[in-house]
Amino acid sequence: MAQAKAHVVSEAPILEHEGQEHPIKLYLVVWAWLFVLSTFSYLVDYFHFQGYLRWSLILLFMILKAGLIVAIFMHMAWERLALSYAILLPPVLVMVFVAIMVFESDYTLWQRTLSFIPS
């Protein structure tokens, strides 16, 4: 007769899933940096900066704030590199394509200006 094999269940302790917990100090420091960067952003208007300097500063502060939010509050600083590339690479490529269009539009304007000058 065939003997029935007994199934022994191991009595390993059941581990509870623990998520990442970051110290509250990290979040407070990020909030402080966001406040400082927002203040600088408002100061650009307060001091009446004009032209390329104004827009460069506003975009710089905006990108820094967005980077902090994505890295810390969306936990991208602790994610795998592949996931980071999947989320961060498309906006970077859009910015590259916009830059290409800006350069092309300047060239097109220059060509039209030369072509339509009355002789």
PDB file of N, CA and C in Angstrom:
ATOM      1  N   MET A   1       0.818  -1.168   0.000  1.00  0.00           N
ATOM      2  CA  MET A   1       0.000   0.000   0.000  1.00  0.00           C
ATOM      3  C   MET A   1       0.869   1.241   0.000  1.00  0.00           C
ATOM      4  N   ALA A   2       0.364   2.230  -0.698  1.00  0.00           N
ATOM      5  CA  ALA A   2       1.101   3.487  -0.731  1.00  0.00           C
ATOM      6  C   ALA A   2       0.852   4.246   0.554  1.00  0.00           C
ATOM      7  N   GLN A   3       1.912   4.776   1.025  1.00  0.00           N
ATOM      8  CA  GLN A   3       1.775   5.559   2.259  1.00  0.00           C
ATOM      9  C   GLN A   3       1.462   7.008   1.904  1.00  0.00           C
ATOM     10  N   ALA A   4       0.565   7.585   2.630  1.00  0.00           N
ATOM     11  CA  ALA A   4       0.212   8.987   2.421  1.00  0.00           C
ATOM     12  C   ALA A   4       1.294   9.871   3.045  1.00  0.00           C
ATOM     13  N   LYS A   5       1.718  10.836   2.292  1.00  0.00           N
ATOM     14  CA  LYS A   5       2.743  11.755   2.812  1.00  0.00           C
ATOM     15  C   LYS A   5       2.054  12.872   3.575  1.00  0.00           C
ATOM     16  N   ALA A   6       2.573  13.136   4.699  1.00  0.00           N
ATOM     17  CA  ALA A   6       2.013  14.218   5.518  1.00  0.00           C
ATOM     18  C   ALA A   6       2.616  15.539   5.070  1.00  0.00           C
ATOM     19  N   HIS A   7       1.776  16.545   4.921  1.00  0.00           N
ATOM     20  CA  HIS A   7       2.253  17.873   4.559  1.00  0.00           C
ATOM     21  C   HIS A   7       2.521  18.655   5.827  1.00  0.00           C
ATOM     22  N   VAL A   8       3.745  19.060   5.971  1.00  0.00           N
ATOM     23  CA  VAL A   8       4.124  19.823   7.153  1.00  0.00           C
ATOM     24  C   VAL A   8       4.161  21.291   6.776  1.00  0.00           C
ATOM     25  N   VAL A   9       3.434  22.064   7.500  1.00  0.00           N
ATOM     26  CA  VAL A   9       3.412  23.501   7.264  1.00  0.00           C
ATOM     27  C   VAL A   9       4.479  24.119   8.139  1.00  0.00           C
ATOM     28  N   SER A  10       5.375  24.841   7.507  1.00  0.00           N
ATOM     29  CA  SER A  10       6.429  25.468   8.309  1.00  0.00           C
ATOM     30  C   SER A  10       5.827  26.560   9.167  1.00  0.00           C
ATOM     31  N   GLU A  11       6.378  26.722  10.296  1.00  0.00           N
ATOM     32  CA  GLU A  11       5.863  27.708  11.228  1.00  0.00           C
ATOM     33  C   GLU A  11       6.727  28.957  11.228  1.00  0.00           C
ATOM     34  N   ALA A  12       7.023  29.436  10.038  1.00  0.00           N
ATOM     35  CA  ALA A  12       7.791  30.669   9.931  1.00  0.00           C
ATOM     36  C   ALA A  12       6.888  31.829  10.309  1.00  0.00           C
ATOM     37  N   PRO A  13       7.448  32.816  10.965  1.00  0.00           N
ATOM     38  CA  PRO A  13       6.618  33.961  11.345  1.00  0.00           C
ATOM     39  C   PRO A  13       6.133  34.725  10.111  1.00  0.00           C
ATOM     40  N   ILE A  14       4.912  35.153  10.165  1.00  0.00           N
ATOM     41  CA  ILE A  14       4.331  35.923   9.066  1.00  0.00           C
ATOM     42  C   ILE A  14       4.795  37.362   9.225  1.00  0.00           C
ATOM     43  N   LEU A  15       5.483  37.852   8.188  1.00  0.00           N
ATOM     44  CA  LEU A  15       5.991  39.215   8.228  1.00  0.00           C
ATOM     45  C   LEU A  15       4.950  40.154   7.641  1.00  0.00           C
ATOM     46  N   GLU A  16       4.699  41.202   8.339  1.00  0.00           N
ATOM     47  CA  GLU A  16       3.777  42.203   7.816  1.00  0.00           C
ATOM     48  C   GLU A  16       4.531  43.091   6.845  1.00  0.00           C
ATOM     49  N   HIS A  17       3.826  43.518   5.809  1.00  0.00           N
ATOM     50  CA  HIS A  17       4.445  44.376   4.806  1.00  0.00           C
ATOM     51  C   HIS A  17       4.624  45.766   5.396  1.00  0.00           C
ATOM     52  N   GLU A  18       5.839  46.213   5.372  1.00  0.00           N
ATOM     53  CA  GLU A  18       6.115  47.556   5.867  1.00  0.00           C
ATOM     54  C   GLU A  18       6.506  48.434   4.699  1.00  0.00           C
ATOM     55  N   GLY A  19       5.832  49.551   4.542  1.00  0.00           N
ATOM     56  CA  GLY A  19       6.153  50.485   3.476  1.00  0.00           C
ATOM     57  C   GLY A  19       7.313  51.377   3.882  1.00  0.00           C
ATOM     58  N   GLN A  20       7.739  52.165   2.929  1.00  0.00           N
ATOM     59  CA  GLN A  20       8.810  53.105   3.232  1.00  0.00           C
ATOM     60  C   GLN A  20       8.270  54.197   4.131  1.00  0.00           C
ATOM     61  N   GLU A  21       8.987  54.447   5.166  1.00  0.00           N
ATOM     62  CA  GLU A  21       8.629  55.556   6.039  1.00  0.00           C
ATOM     63  C   GLU A  21       9.820  56.492   6.108  1.00  0.00           C
ATOM     64  N   HIS A  22       9.561  57.727   5.808  1.00  0.00           N
ATOM     65  CA  HIS A  22      10.624  58.718   5.821  1.00  0.00           C
ATOM     66  C   HIS A  22      10.402  59.633   7.016  1.00  0.00           C
ATOM     67  N   PRO A  23      11.469  60.160   7.535  1.00  0.00           N
ATOM     68  CA  PRO A  23      11.310  61.030   8.703  1.00  0.00           C
ATOM     69  C   PRO A  23      10.532  62.293   8.350  1.00  0.00           C
ATOM     70  N   ILE A  24       9.771  62.769   9.294  1.00  0.00           N
ATOM     71  CA  ILE A  24       8.959  63.968   9.075  1.00  0.00           C
ATOM     72  C   ILE A  24       9.848  65.177   8.781  1.00  0.00           C
ATOM     73  N   LYS A  25      11.090  65.132   9.265  1.00  0.00           N
ATOM     74  CA  LYS A  25      12.017  66.241   9.020  1.00  0.00           C
ATOM     75  C   LYS A  25      12.250  66.436   7.528  1.00  0.00           C
ATOM     76  N   LEU A  26      12.323  65.339   6.766  1.00  0.00           N
ATOM     77  CA  LEU A  26      12.522  65.427   5.322  1.00  0.00           C
ATOM     78  C   LEU A  26      11.389  66.213   4.670  1.00  0.00           C
ATOM     79  N   TYR A  27      10.160  65.897   5.048  1.00  0.00           N
ATOM     80  CA  TYR A  27       9.012  66.589   4.469  1.00  0.00           C
ATOM     81  C   TYR A  27       8.970  68.057   4.887  1.00  0.00           C
ATOM     82  N   LEU A  28       9.336  68.345   6.114  1.00  0.00           N
ATOM     83  CA  LEU A  28       9.355  69.741   6.565  1.00  0.00           C
ATOM     84  C   LEU A  28      10.424  70.546   5.841  1.00  0.00           C
ATOM     85  N   VAL A  29      11.568  69.926   5.604  1.00  0.00           N
ATOM     86  CA  VAL A  29      12.634  70.622   4.870  1.00  0.00           C
ATOM     87  C   VAL A  29      12.186  70.885   3.433  1.00  0.00           C
ATOM     88  N   VAL A  30      11.523  69.920   2.818  1.00  0.00           N
ATOM     89  CA  VAL A  30      11.030  70.119   1.444  1.00  0.00           C
ATOM     90  C   VAL A  30       9.972  71.214   1.413  1.00  0.00           C
ATOM     91  N   TRP A  31       9.076  71.229   2.392  1.00  0.00           N
ATOM     92  CA  TRP A  31       8.071  72.298   2.464  1.00  0.00           C
ATOM     93  C   TRP A  31       8.749  73.662   2.611  1.00  0.00           C
ATOM     94  N   ALA A  32       9.805  73.713   3.414  1.00  0.00           N
ATOM     95  CA  ALA A  32      10.532  74.978   3.593  1.00  0.00           C
ATOM     96  C   ALA A  32      11.171  75.414   2.268  1.00  0.00           C
ATOM     97  N   TRP A  33      11.797  74.482   1.552  1.00  0.00           N
ATOM     98  CA  TRP A  33      12.393  74.814   0.261  1.00  0.00           C
ATOM     99  C   TRP A  33      11.339  75.255  -0.737  1.00  0.00           C
ATOM    100  N   LEU A  34      10.179  74.609  -0.736  1.00  0.00           N
ATOM    101  CA  LEU A  34       9.103  75.029  -1.638  1.00  0.00           C
ATOM    102  C   LEU A  34       8.631  76.445  -1.301  1.00  0.00           C
ATOM    103  N   PHE A  35       8.562  76.756  -0.012  1.00  0.00           N
ATOM    104  CA  PHE A  35       8.184  78.104   0.401  1.00  0.00           C
ATOM    105  C   PHE A  35       9.221  79.119  -0.060  1.00  0.00           C
ATOM    106  N   VAL A  36      10.500  78.797   0.113  1.00  0.00           N
ATOM    107  CA  VAL A  36      11.580  79.719  -0.291  1.00  0.00           C
ATOM    108  C   VAL A  36      11.561  79.924  -1.806  1.00  0.00           C
ATOM    109  N   LEU A  37      11.425  78.846  -2.559  1.00  0.00           N
ATOM    110  CA  LEU A  37      11.395  78.977  -4.018  1.00  0.00           C
ATOM    111  C   LEU A  37      10.170  79.750  -4.494  1.00  0.00           C
ATOM    112  N   SER A  38       9.028  79.560  -3.834  1.00  0.00           N
ATOM    113  CA  SER A  38       7.832  80.338  -4.189  1.00  0.00           C
ATOM    114  C   SER A  38       8.034  81.807  -3.872  1.00  0.00           C
ATOM    115  N   THR A  39       8.690  82.077  -2.759  1.00  0.00           N
ATOM    116  CA  THR A  39       8.983  83.467  -2.406  1.00  0.00           C
ATOM    117  C   THR A  39       9.870  84.117  -3.460  1.00  0.00           C
ATOM    118  N   PHE A  40      10.911  83.406  -3.897  1.00  0.00           N
ATOM    119  CA  PHE A  40      11.778  83.935  -4.953  1.00  0.00           C
ATOM    120  C   PHE A  40      10.991  84.161  -6.238  1.00  0.00           C
ATOM    121  N   SER A  41      10.072  83.274  -6.520  1.00  0.00           N
ATOM    122  CA  SER A  41       9.257  83.412  -7.718  1.00  0.00           C
ATOM    123  C   SER A  41       8.409  84.691  -7.656  1.00  0.00           C
ATOM    124  N   TYR A  42       7.835  84.959  -6.499  1.00  0.00           N
ATOM    125  CA  TYR A  42       7.050  86.186  -6.341  1.00  0.00           C
ATOM    126  C   TYR A  42       7.937  87.428  -6.343  1.00  0.00           C
ATOM    127  N   LEU A  43       9.153  87.298  -5.841  1.00  0.00           N
ATOM    128  CA  LEU A  43      10.067  88.445  -5.822  1.00  0.00           C
ATOM    129  C   LEU A  43      10.491  88.852  -7.228  1.00  0.00           C
ATOM    130  N   VAL A  44      10.476  87.921  -8.159  1.00  0.00           N
ATOM    131  CA  VAL A  44      10.790  88.258  -9.548  1.00  0.00           C
ATOM    132  C   VAL A  44       9.809  89.316 -10.044  1.00  0.00           C
ATOM    133  N   ASP A  45       8.524  89.148  -9.738  1.00  0.00           N
ATOM    134  CA  ASP A  45       7.528  90.156 -10.121  1.00  0.00           C
ATOM    135  C   ASP A  45       7.630  91.408  -9.270  1.00  0.00           C
ATOM    136  N   TYR A  46       7.934  91.234  -7.990  1.00  0.00           N
ATOM    137  CA  TYR A  46       8.000  92.383  -7.087  1.00  0.00           C
ATOM    138  C   TYR A  46       9.094  93.363  -7.514  1.00  0.00           C
ATOM    139  N   PHE A  47      10.235  92.818  -7.956  1.00  0.00           N
ATOM    140  CA  PHE A  47      11.350  93.676  -8.370  1.00  0.00           C
ATOM    141  C   PHE A  47      11.281  94.055  -9.852  1.00  0.00           C
ATOM    142  N   HIS A  48      10.185  93.704 -10.503  1.00  0.00           N
ATOM    143  CA  HIS A  48       9.908  94.110 -11.888  1.00  0.00           C
ATOM    144  C   HIS A  48      11.006  93.696 -12.862  1.00  0.00           C
ATOM    145  N   PHE A  49      11.484  92.461 -12.739  1.00  0.00           N
ATOM    146  CA  PHE A  49      12.411  91.953 -13.747  1.00  0.00           C
ATOM    147  C   PHE A  49      11.660  91.835 -15.060  1.00  0.00           C
ATOM    148  N   GLN A  50      12.343  92.093 -16.166  1.00  0.00           N
ATOM    149  CA  GLN A  50      11.695  92.075 -17.471  1.00  0.00           C
ATOM    150  C   GLN A  50      12.475  91.208 -18.446  1.00  0.00           C
ATOM    151  N   GLY A  51      11.812  90.783 -19.487  1.00  0.00           N
ATOM    152  CA  GLY A  51      12.455  90.092 -20.596  1.00  0.00           C
ATOM    153  C   GLY A  51      12.864  88.671 -20.272  1.00  0.00           C
ATOM    154  N   TYR A  52      13.996  88.295 -20.872  1.00  0.00           N
ATOM    155  CA  TYR A  52      14.468  86.918 -20.731  1.00  0.00           C
ATOM    156  C   TYR A  52      14.861  86.581 -19.302  1.00  0.00           C
ATOM    157  N   LEU A  53      15.383  87.551 -18.563  1.00  0.00           N
ATOM    158  CA  LEU A  53      15.762  87.300 -17.166  1.00  0.00           C
ATOM    159  C   LEU A  53      14.539  86.891 -16.356  1.00  0.00           C
ATOM    160  N   ARG A  54      13.439  87.615 -16.531  1.00  0.00           N
ATOM    161  CA  ARG A  54      12.210  87.306 -15.797  1.00  0.00           C
ATOM    162  C   ARG A  54      11.736  85.885 -16.087  1.00  0.00           C
ATOM    163  N   TRP A  55      11.620  85.547 -17.375  1.00  0.00           N
ATOM    164  CA  TRP A  55      11.096  84.238 -17.736  1.00  0.00           C
ATOM    165  C   TRP A  55      12.065  83.117 -17.388  1.00  0.00           C
ATOM    166  N   SER A  56      13.350  83.386 -17.484  1.00  0.00           N
ATOM    167  CA  SER A  56      14.338  82.375 -17.091  1.00  0.00           C
ATOM    168  C   SER A  56      14.241  82.072 -15.602  1.00  0.00           C
ATOM    169  N   LEU A  57      14.123  83.112 -14.779  1.00  0.00           N
ATOM    170  CA  LEU A  57      14.018  82.899 -13.330  1.00  0.00           C
ATOM    171  C   LEU A  57      12.715  82.188 -12.965  1.00  0.00           C
ATOM    172  N   ILE A  58      11.621  82.614 -13.569  1.00  0.00           N
ATOM    173  CA  ILE A  58      10.331  81.982 -13.265  1.00  0.00           C
ATOM    174  C   ILE A  58      10.367  80.497 -13.650  1.00  0.00           C
ATOM    175  N   LEU A  59      10.894  80.184 -14.837  1.00  0.00           N
ATOM    176  CA  LEU A  59      10.974  78.788 -15.267  1.00  0.00           C
ATOM    177  C   LEU A  59      11.943  77.986 -14.397  1.00  0.00           C
ATOM    178  N   LEU A  60      13.046  78.600 -14.001  1.00  0.00           N
ATOM    179  CA  LEU A  60      13.998  77.909 -13.129  1.00  0.00           C
ATOM    180  C   LEU A  60      13.353  77.542 -11.799  1.00  0.00           C
ATOM    181  N   PHE A  61      12.681  78.494 -11.175  1.00  0.00           N
ATOM    182  CA  PHE A  61      12.030  78.214  -9.890  1.00  0.00           C
ATOM    183  C   PHE A  61      10.905  77.199 -10.059  1.00  0.00           C
ATOM    184  N   MET A  62      10.181  77.274 -11.173  1.00  0.00           N
ATOM    185  CA  MET A  62       9.103  76.323 -11.420  1.00  0.00           C
ATOM    186  C   MET A  62       9.652  74.904 -11.570  1.00  0.00           C
ATOM    187  N   ILE A  63      10.743  74.757 -12.315  1.00  0.00           N
ATOM    188  CA  ILE A  63      11.328  73.427 -12.526  1.00  0.00           C
ATOM    189  C   ILE A  63      11.900  72.889 -11.217  1.00  0.00           C
ATOM    190  N   LEU A  64      12.534  73.740 -10.416  1.00  0.00           N
ATOM    191  CA  LEU A  64      13.066  73.287  -9.130  1.00  0.00           C
ATOM    192  C   LEU A  64      11.949  72.820  -8.197  1.00  0.00           C
ATOM    193  N   LYS A  65      10.855  73.578  -8.151  1.00  0.00           N
ATOM    194  CA  LYS A  65       9.728  73.168  -7.299  1.00  0.00           C
ATOM    195  C   LYS A  65       9.110  71.865  -7.788  1.00  0.00           C
ATOM    196  N   ALA A  66       8.927  71.748  -9.092  1.00  0.00           N
ATOM    197  CA  ALA A  66       8.356  70.510  -9.637  1.00  0.00           C
ATOM    198  C   ALA A  66       9.281  69.325  -9.372  1.00  0.00           C
ATOM    199  N   GLY A  67      10.577  69.536  -9.478  1.00  0.00           N
ATOM    200  CA  GLY A  67      11.528  68.470  -9.201  1.00  0.00           C
ATOM    201  C   GLY A  67      11.478  68.007  -7.760  1.00  0.00           C
ATOM    202  N   LEU A  68      11.374  68.949  -6.831  1.00  0.00           N
ATOM    203  CA  LEU A  68      11.244  68.585  -5.414  1.00  0.00           C
ATOM    204  C   LEU A  68       9.969  67.799  -5.156  1.00  0.00           C
ATOM    205  N   ILE A  69       8.880  68.257  -5.731  1.00  0.00           N
ATOM    206  CA  ILE A  69       7.598  67.584  -5.510  1.00  0.00           C
ATOM    207  C   ILE A  69       7.628  66.171  -6.077  1.00  0.00           C
ATOM    208  N   VAL A  70       8.140  66.029  -7.295  1.00  0.00           N
ATOM    209  CA  VAL A  70       8.191  64.705  -7.914  1.00  0.00           C
ATOM    210  C   VAL A  70       9.146  63.786  -7.152  1.00  0.00           C
ATOM    211  N   ALA A  71      10.303  64.298  -6.766  1.00  0.00           N
ATOM    212  CA  ALA A  71      11.309  63.458  -6.109  1.00  0.00           C
ATOM    213  C   ALA A  71      10.880  63.008  -4.723  1.00  0.00           C
ATOM    214  N   ILE A  72      10.318  63.897  -3.943  1.00  0.00           N
ATOM    215  CA  ILE A  72      10.038  63.573  -2.549  1.00  0.00           C
ATOM    216  C   ILE A  72       8.592  63.124  -2.347  1.00  0.00           C
ATOM    217  N   PHE A  73       7.628  63.948  -2.740  1.00  0.00           N
ATOM    218  CA  PHE A  73       6.233  63.630  -2.446  1.00  0.00           C
ATOM    219  C   PHE A  73       5.680  62.510  -3.330  1.00  0.00           C
ATOM    220  N   MET A  74       6.233  62.354  -4.533  1.00  0.00           N
ATOM    221  CA  MET A  74       5.805  61.249  -5.386  1.00  0.00           C
ATOM    222  C   MET A  74       6.773  60.068  -5.256  1.00  0.00           C
ATOM    223  N   HIS A  75       7.738  60.170  -4.364  1.00  0.00           N
ATOM    224  CA  HIS A  75       8.683  59.101  -4.031  1.00  0.00           C
ATOM    225  C   HIS A  75       9.514  58.636  -5.220  1.00  0.00           C
ATOM    226  N   MET A  76       9.742  59.504  -6.193  1.00  0.00           N
ATOM    227  CA  MET A  76      10.541  59.112  -7.354  1.00  0.00           C
ATOM    228  C   MET A  76      12.019  58.988  -7.002  1.00  0.00           C
ATOM    229  N   ALA A  77      12.466  59.616  -5.941  1.00  0.00           N
ATOM    230  CA  ALA A  77      13.875  59.518  -5.552  1.00  0.00           C
ATOM    231  C   ALA A  77      14.224  58.102  -5.108  1.00  0.00           C
ATOM    232  N   TRP A  78      13.217  57.320  -4.733  1.00  0.00           N
ATOM    233  CA  TRP A  78      13.456  55.970  -4.227  1.00  0.00           C
ATOM    234  C   TRP A  78      12.968  54.886  -5.186  1.00  0.00           C
ATOM    235  N   GLU A  79      12.545  55.280  -6.371  1.00  0.00           N
ATOM    236  CA  GLU A  79      12.019  54.308  -7.332  1.00  0.00           C
ATOM    237  C   GLU A  79      13.143  53.744  -8.183  1.00  0.00           C
ATOM    238  N   ARG A  80      12.821  52.697  -8.916  1.00  0.00           N
ATOM    239  CA  ARG A  80      13.764  52.117  -9.854  1.00  0.00           C
ATOM    240  C   ARG A  80      14.074  53.099 -10.969  1.00  0.00           C
ATOM    241  N   LEU A  81      15.232  52.941 -11.553  1.00  0.00           N
ATOM    242  CA  LEU A  81      15.652  53.821 -12.628  1.00  0.00           C
ATOM    243  C   LEU A  81      14.732  53.710 -13.838  1.00  0.00           C
ATOM    244  N   ALA A  82      14.279  52.507 -14.158  1.00  0.00           N
ATOM    245  CA  ALA A  82      13.404  52.323 -15.319  1.00  0.00           C
ATOM    246  C   ALA A  82      12.084  53.070 -15.136  1.00  0.00           C
ATOM    247  N   LEU A  83      11.513  53.019 -13.933  1.00  0.00           N
ATOM    248  CA  LEU A  83      10.265  53.735 -13.675  1.00  0.00           C
ATOM    249  C   LEU A  83      10.493  55.244 -13.729  1.00  0.00           C
ATOM    250  N   SER A  84      11.611  55.677 -13.214  1.00  0.00           N
ATOM    251  CA  SER A  84      11.933  57.104 -13.273  1.00  0.00           C
ATOM    252  C   SER A  84      12.037  57.575 -14.717  1.00  0.00           C
ATOM    253  N   TYR A  85      12.719  56.782 -15.551  1.00  0.00           N
ATOM    254  CA  TYR A  85      12.827  57.155 -16.959  1.00  0.00           C
ATOM    255  C   TYR A  85      11.463  57.159 -17.633  1.00  0.00           C
ATOM    256  N   ALA A  86      10.609  56.230 -17.285  1.00  0.00           N
ATOM    257  CA  ALA A  86       9.291  56.145 -17.912  1.00  0.00           C
ATOM    258  C   ALA A  86       8.442  57.366 -17.575  1.00  0.00           C
ATOM    259  N   ILE A  87       8.648  57.950 -16.426  1.00  0.00           N
ATOM    260  CA  ILE A  87       7.840  59.099 -16.023  1.00  0.00           C
ATOM    261  C   ILE A  87       8.521  60.430 -16.357  1.00  0.00           C
ATOM    262  N   LEU A  88       9.830  60.495 -16.225  1.00  0.00           N
ATOM    263  CA  LEU A  88      10.528  61.766 -16.394  1.00  0.00           C
ATOM    264  C   LEU A  88      11.025  62.018 -17.817  1.00  0.00           C
ATOM    265  N   LEU A  89      11.269  60.990 -18.591  1.00  0.00           N
ATOM    266  CA  LEU A  89      11.818  61.171 -19.930  1.00  0.00           C
ATOM    267  C   LEU A  89      10.847  61.852 -20.901  1.00  0.00           C
ATOM    268  N   PRO A  90       9.552  61.508 -20.935  1.00  0.00           N
ATOM    269  CA  PRO A  90       8.656  62.193 -21.886  1.00  0.00           C
ATOM    270  C   PRO A  90       8.591  63.715 -21.722  1.00  0.00           C
ATOM    271  N   PRO A  91       8.490  64.281 -20.503  1.00  0.00           N
ATOM    272  CA  PRO A  91       8.498  65.745 -20.420  1.00  0.00           C
ATOM    273  C   PRO A  91       9.811  66.369 -20.895  1.00  0.00           C
ATOM    274  N   VAL A  92      10.923  65.682 -20.653  1.00  0.00           N
ATOM    275  CA  VAL A  92      12.213  66.195 -21.122  1.00  0.00           C
ATOM    276  C   VAL A  92      12.238  66.207 -22.648  1.00  0.00           C
ATOM    277  N   LEU A  93      11.736  65.149 -23.269  1.00  0.00           N
ATOM    278  CA  LEU A  93      11.692  65.114 -24.728  1.00  0.00           C
ATOM    279  C   LEU A  93      10.762  66.187 -25.290  1.00  0.00           C
ATOM    280  N   VAL A  94       9.650  66.441 -24.621  1.00  0.00           N
ATOM    281  CA  VAL A  94       8.749  67.511 -25.066  1.00  0.00           C
ATOM    282  C   VAL A  94       9.469  68.855 -25.014  1.00  0.00           C
ATOM    283  N   MET A  95      10.245  69.085 -23.963  1.00  0.00           N
ATOM    284  CA  MET A  95      10.994  70.344 -23.861  1.00  0.00           C
ATOM    285  C   MET A  95      12.032  70.454 -24.975  1.00  0.00           C
ATOM    286  N   VAL A  96      12.687  69.337 -25.324  1.00  0.00           N
ATOM    287  CA  VAL A  96      13.656  69.354 -26.422  1.00  0.00           C
ATOM    288  C   VAL A  96      12.956  69.688 -27.736  1.00  0.00           C
ATOM    289  N   PHE A  97      11.801  69.076 -27.986  1.00  0.00           N
ATOM    290  CA  PHE A  97      11.077  69.353 -29.222  1.00  0.00           C
ATOM    291  C   PHE A  97      10.579  70.799 -29.271  1.00  0.00           C
ATOM    292  N   VAL A  98      10.171  71.347 -28.147  1.00  0.00           N
ATOM    293  CA  VAL A  98       9.759  72.754 -28.109  1.00  0.00           C
ATOM    294  C   VAL A  98      10.945  73.652 -28.430  1.00  0.00           C
ATOM    295  N   ALA A  99      12.116  73.343 -27.890  1.00  0.00           N
ATOM    296  CA  ALA A  99      13.311  74.130 -28.190  1.00  0.00           C
ATOM    297  C   ALA A  99      13.644  74.068 -29.675  1.00  0.00           C
ATOM    298  N   ILE A 100      13.528  72.893 -30.269  1.00  0.00           N
ATOM    299  CA  ILE A 100      13.772  72.758 -31.710  1.00  0.00           C
ATOM    300  C   ILE A 100      12.788  73.620 -32.496  1.00  0.00           C
ATOM    301  N   MET A 101      11.514  73.627 -32.082  1.00  0.00           N
ATOM    302  CA  MET A 101      10.515  74.437 -32.786  1.00  0.00           C
ATOM    303  C   MET A 101      10.802  75.930 -32.641  1.00  0.00           C
ATOM    304  N   VAL A 102      11.326  76.341 -31.482  1.00  0.00           N
ATOM    305  CA  VAL A 102      11.651  77.760 -31.294  1.00  0.00           C
ATOM    306  C   VAL A 102      12.754  78.168 -32.253  1.00  0.00           C
ATOM    307  N   PHE A 103      13.807  77.348 -32.358  1.00  0.00           N
ATOM    308  CA  PHE A 103      14.887  77.675 -33.281  1.00  0.00           C
ATOM    309  C   PHE A 103      14.405  77.670 -34.733  1.00  0.00           C
ATOM    310  N   GLU A 104      13.549  76.728 -35.066  1.00  0.00           N
ATOM    311  CA  GLU A 104      13.035  76.656 -36.429  1.00  0.00           C
ATOM    312  C   GLU A 104      12.133  77.852 -36.739  1.00  0.00           C
ATOM    313  N   SER A 105      11.366  78.296 -35.756  1.00  0.00           N
ATOM    314  CA  SER A 105      10.488  79.439 -36.003  1.00  0.00           C
ATOM    315  C   SER A 105      11.298  80.714 -36.223  1.00  0.00           C
ATOM    316  N   ASP A 106      12.415  80.856 -35.511  1.00  0.00           N
ATOM    317  CA  ASP A 106      13.275  82.022 -35.745  1.00  0.00           C
ATOM    318  C   ASP A 106      13.846  81.998 -37.173  1.00  0.00           C
ATOM    319  N   TYR A 107      14.257  80.816 -37.618  1.00  0.00           N
ATOM    320  CA  TYR A 107      14.786  80.680 -38.978  1.00  0.00           C
ATOM    321  C   TYR A 107      13.696  80.984 -39.998  1.00  0.00           C
ATOM    322  N   THR A 108      12.478  80.490 -39.770  1.00  0.00           N
ATOM    323  CA  THR A 108      11.370  80.736 -40.691  1.00  0.00           C
ATOM    324  C   THR A 108      11.036  82.228 -40.758  1.00  0.00           C
ATOM    325  N   LEU A 109      11.023  82.882 -39.609  1.00  0.00           N
ATOM    326  CA  LEU A 109      10.767  84.326 -39.593  1.00  0.00           C
ATOM    327  C   LEU A 109      11.850  85.075 -40.351  1.00  0.00           C
ATOM    328  N   TRP A 110      13.078  84.676 -40.172  1.00  0.00           N
ATOM    329  CA  TRP A 110      14.195  85.324 -40.873  1.00  0.00           C
ATOM    330  C   TRP A 110      14.050  85.143 -42.382  1.00  0.00           C
ATOM    331  N   GLN A 111      13.702  83.917 -42.820  1.00  0.00           N
ATOM    332  CA  GLN A 111      13.527  83.647 -44.248  1.00  0.00           C
ATOM    333  C   GLN A 111      12.372  84.459 -44.830  1.00  0.00           C
ATOM    334  N   ARG A 112      11.280  84.546 -44.107  1.00  0.00           N
ATOM    335  CA  ARG A 112      10.127  85.312 -44.605  1.00  0.00           C
ATOM    336  C   ARG A 112      10.448  86.797 -44.666  1.00  0.00           C
ATOM    337  N   THR A 113      11.192  87.265 -43.678  1.00  0.00           N
ATOM    338  CA  THR A 113      11.564  88.689 -43.679  1.00  0.00           C
ATOM    339  C   THR A 113      12.419  89.000 -44.903  1.00  0.00           C
ATOM    340  N   LEU A 114      13.363  88.120 -45.233  1.00  0.00           N
ATOM    341  CA  LEU A 114      14.205  88.345 -46.407  1.00  0.00           C
ATOM    342  C   LEU A 114      13.431  88.195 -47.705  1.00  0.00           C
ATOM    343  N   SER A 115      12.505  87.276 -47.754  1.00  0.00           N
ATOM    344  CA  SER A 115      11.766  86.999 -48.984  1.00  0.00           C
ATOM    345  C   SER A 115      10.754  88.093 -49.322  1.00  0.00           C
ATOM    346  N   PHE A 116      10.153  88.694 -48.317  1.00  0.00           N
ATOM    347  CA  PHE A 116       9.070  89.644 -48.578  1.00  0.00           C
ATOM    348  C   PHE A 116       9.503  91.099 -48.496  1.00  0.00           C
ATOM    349  N   ILE A 117      10.809  91.343 -48.506  1.00  0.00           N
ATOM    350  CA  ILE A 117      11.289  92.744 -48.531  1.00  0.00           C
ATOM    351  C   ILE A 117      11.021  93.289 -49.938  1.00  0.00           C
ATOM    352  N   PRO A 118      10.327  94.414 -49.998  1.00  0.00           N
ATOM    353  CA  PRO A 118      10.079  94.978 -51.339  1.00  0.00           C
ATOM    354  C   PRO A 118      11.396  95.407 -52.005  1.00  0.00           C
ATOM    355  N   SER A 119      11.534  95.076 -53.256  1.00  0.00           N
ATOM    356  CA  SER A 119      12.766  95.408 -53.974  1.00  0.00           C
ATOM    357  C   SER A 119      12.739  96.814 -54.510  1.00  0.00           C
TER     358      SER A 119
END
